[in-house]
Amino acid sequence: MLSTVLSSLLSIGFSAAATRIYSVHTLALNSALVASIMPISMICGLSFNNLILRFLPRVYHRIGIRVPQAYRLAARPSLLVPLGTARDH
């Protein structure tokens, strides 16, 4: 609860300071950038933990193969998305 209140207060303080320092155009551009990055970070953060726990009993006899495969599958978006989103400015 305390961390939520402190986070909210810091966010309000940052927003108040940013509106005095930066232009509306700069704030809108950066806000859109952050809003577009959030779904990408969520996709890259998929770790399939629940999936591994659910199917682990079924593949117990091949656990040495399946767990590394699951981690490789989870790492692919984190490696491929930056390549697709990177561009020169």
C-alpha atoms as a PDB file:
ATOM      1  CA  MET A   1       0.000   0.000   0.000  1.00  0.00           C
ATOM      2  CA  LEU A   2       2.753   2.424   0.924  1.00  0.00           C
ATOM      3  CA  SER A   3       4.673   1.675  -2.260  1.00  0.00           C
ATOM      4  CA  THR A   4       1.563   2.395  -4.344  1.00  0.00           C
ATOM      5  CA  VAL A   5       1.066   5.756  -2.632  1.00  0.00           C
ATOM      6  CA  LEU A   6       4.734   6.698  -3.024  1.00  0.00           C
ATOM      7  CA  SER A   7       4.741   5.633  -6.652  1.00  0.00           C
ATOM      8  CA  SER A   8       1.645   7.731  -7.331  1.00  0.00           C
ATOM      9  CA  LEU A   9       3.102  10.778  -5.606  1.00  0.00           C
ATOM     10  CA  LEU A  10       6.370  10.460  -7.525  1.00  0.00           C
ATOM     11  CA  SER A  11       4.457  10.103 -10.767  1.00  0.00           C
ATOM     12  CA  ILE A  12       2.408  13.234 -10.077  1.00  0.00           C
ATOM     13  CA  GLY A  13       5.558  15.140  -9.120  1.00  0.00           C
ATOM     14  CA  PHE A  14       7.374  13.993 -12.241  1.00  0.00           C
ATOM     15  CA  SER A  15       4.427  14.948 -14.446  1.00  0.00           C
ATOM     16  CA  ALA A  16       4.206  18.395 -12.851  1.00  0.00           C
ATOM     17  CA  ALA A  17       7.930  19.000 -13.339  1.00  0.00           C
ATOM     18  CA  ALA A  18       7.899  17.660 -16.904  1.00  0.00           C
ATOM     19  CA  THR A  19       5.072  19.980 -17.953  1.00  0.00           C
ATOM     20  CA  ARG A  20       7.108  22.973 -16.827  1.00  0.00           C
ATOM     21  CA  ILE A  21      10.378  21.858 -18.412  1.00  0.00           C
ATOM     22  CA  TYR A  22       9.374  20.275 -21.747  1.00  0.00           C
ATOM     23  CA  SER A  23       7.081  21.295 -24.580  1.00  0.00           C
ATOM     24  CA  VAL A  24       3.691  19.692 -25.182  1.00  0.00           C
ATOM     25  CA  HIS A  25       4.996  18.134 -28.406  1.00  0.00           C
ATOM     26  CA  THR A  26       7.928  16.488 -26.625  1.00  0.00           C
ATOM     27  CA  LEU A  27       5.715  15.149 -23.839  1.00  0.00           C
ATOM     28  CA  ALA A  28       3.165  13.761 -26.306  1.00  0.00           C
ATOM     29  CA  LEU A  29       5.865  12.106 -28.402  1.00  0.00           C
ATOM     30  CA  ASN A  30       7.526  10.478 -25.407  1.00  0.00           C
ATOM     31  CA  SER A  31       4.174   9.413 -23.969  1.00  0.00           C
ATOM     32  CA  ALA A  32       3.304   7.690 -27.252  1.00  0.00           C
ATOM     33  CA  LEU A  33       6.731   6.038 -27.308  1.00  0.00           C
ATOM     34  CA  VAL A  34       6.307   4.641 -23.798  1.00  0.00           C
ATOM     35  CA  ALA A  35       2.764   3.470 -24.610  1.00  0.00           C
ATOM     36  CA  SER A  36       4.044   1.603 -27.659  1.00  0.00           C
ATOM     37  CA  ILE A  37       6.970   0.041 -25.816  1.00  0.00           C
ATOM     38  CA  MET A  38       4.844  -1.396 -22.987  1.00  0.00           C
ATOM     39  CA  PRO A  39       3.092  -4.116 -25.067  1.00  0.00           C
ATOM     40  CA  ILE A  40       6.403  -5.041 -26.678  1.00  0.00           C
ATOM     41  CA  SER A  41       8.011  -5.488 -23.273  1.00  0.00           C
ATOM     42  CA  MET A  42       5.063  -7.602 -22.139  1.00  0.00           C
ATOM     43  CA  ILE A  43       5.428  -9.873 -25.176  1.00  0.00           C
ATOM     44  CA  CYS A  44       9.166 -10.206 -24.596  1.00  0.00           C
ATOM     45  CA  GLY A  45       8.599 -10.937 -20.917  1.00  0.00           C
ATOM     46  CA  LEU A  46       6.655 -14.138 -21.546  1.00  0.00           C
ATOM     47  CA  SER A  47       8.421 -16.792 -19.558  1.00  0.00           C
ATOM     48  CA  PHE A  48       5.915 -19.639 -19.832  1.00  0.00           C
ATOM     49  CA  ASN A  49       6.328 -20.458 -16.129  1.00  0.00           C
ATOM     50  CA  ASN A  50       2.755 -21.680 -15.709  1.00  0.00           C
ATOM     51  CA  LEU A  51       2.967 -23.643 -18.928  1.00  0.00           C
ATOM     52  CA  ILE A  52       6.115 -25.394 -17.781  1.00  0.00           C
ATOM     53  CA  LEU A  53       4.577 -26.241 -14.403  1.00  0.00           C
ATOM     54  CA  ARG A  54       1.409 -27.577 -16.004  1.00  0.00           C
ATOM     55  CA  PHE A  55       3.062 -29.867 -18.535  1.00  0.00           C
ATOM     56  CA  LEU A  56       6.111 -30.886 -16.526  1.00  0.00           C
ATOM     57  CA  PRO A  57       4.452 -34.038 -15.109  1.00  0.00           C
ATOM     58  CA  ARG A  58       3.540 -35.171 -18.631  1.00  0.00           C
ATOM     59  CA  VAL A  59       7.066 -34.893 -19.984  1.00  0.00           C
ATOM     60  CA  TYR A  60       8.885 -35.953 -16.840  1.00  0.00           C
ATOM     61  CA  HIS A  61      10.765 -38.714 -18.646  1.00  0.00           C
ATOM     62  CA  ARG A  62      12.138 -36.119 -21.126  1.00  0.00           C
ATOM     63  CA  ILE A  63      12.631 -33.247 -18.702  1.00  0.00           C
ATOM     64  CA  GLY A  64      16.258 -32.748 -19.701  1.00  0.00           C
ATOM     65  CA  ILE A  65      15.131 -31.901 -23.243  1.00  0.00           C
ATOM     66  CA  ARG A  66      11.836 -30.073 -22.638  1.00  0.00           C
ATOM     67  CA  VAL A  67      12.921 -27.478 -20.060  1.00  0.00           C
ATOM     68  CA  PRO A  68      15.767 -26.077 -22.208  1.00  0.00           C
ATOM     69  CA  GLN A  69      13.366 -26.045 -25.177  1.00  0.00           C
ATOM     70  CA  ALA A  70      10.882 -23.985 -23.163  1.00  0.00           C
ATOM     71  CA  TYR A  71      13.565 -21.464 -22.226  1.00  0.00           C
ATOM     72  CA  ARG A  72      14.692 -21.164 -25.850  1.00  0.00           C
ATOM     73  CA  LEU A  73      11.089 -20.586 -26.887  1.00  0.00           C
ATOM     74  CA  ALA A  74      10.679 -17.885 -24.240  1.00  0.00           C
ATOM     75  CA  ALA A  75      13.921 -16.162 -25.283  1.00  0.00           C
ATOM     76  CA  ARG A  76      13.003 -15.839 -28.967  1.00  0.00           C
ATOM     77  CA  PRO A  77      10.734 -12.781 -28.675  1.00  0.00           C
ATOM     78  CA  SER A  78      13.307 -11.017 -26.512  1.00  0.00           C
ATOM     79  CA  LEU A  79      15.934 -11.550 -29.179  1.00  0.00           C
ATOM     80  CA  LEU A  80      13.818 -10.941 -32.290  1.00  0.00           C
ATOM     81  CA  VAL A  81      11.667  -7.939 -31.325  1.00  0.00           C
ATOM     82  CA  PRO A  82      14.584  -5.499 -30.930  1.00  0.00           C
ATOM     83  CA  LEU A  83      15.775  -6.422 -34.416  1.00  0.00           C
ATOM     84  CA  GLY A  84      12.378  -5.607 -35.872  1.00  0.00           C
ATOM     85  CA  THR A  85      11.901  -2.366 -33.968  1.00  0.00           C
ATOM     86  CA  ALA A  86      15.391  -0.894 -34.251  1.00  0.00           C
ATOM     87  CA  ARG A  87      15.812   1.911 -36.735  1.00  0.00           C
ATOM     88  CA  ASP A  88      18.128   4.806 -37.364  1.00  0.00           C
ATOM     89  CA  HIS A  89      17.119   8.271 -36.203  1.00  0.00           C
END
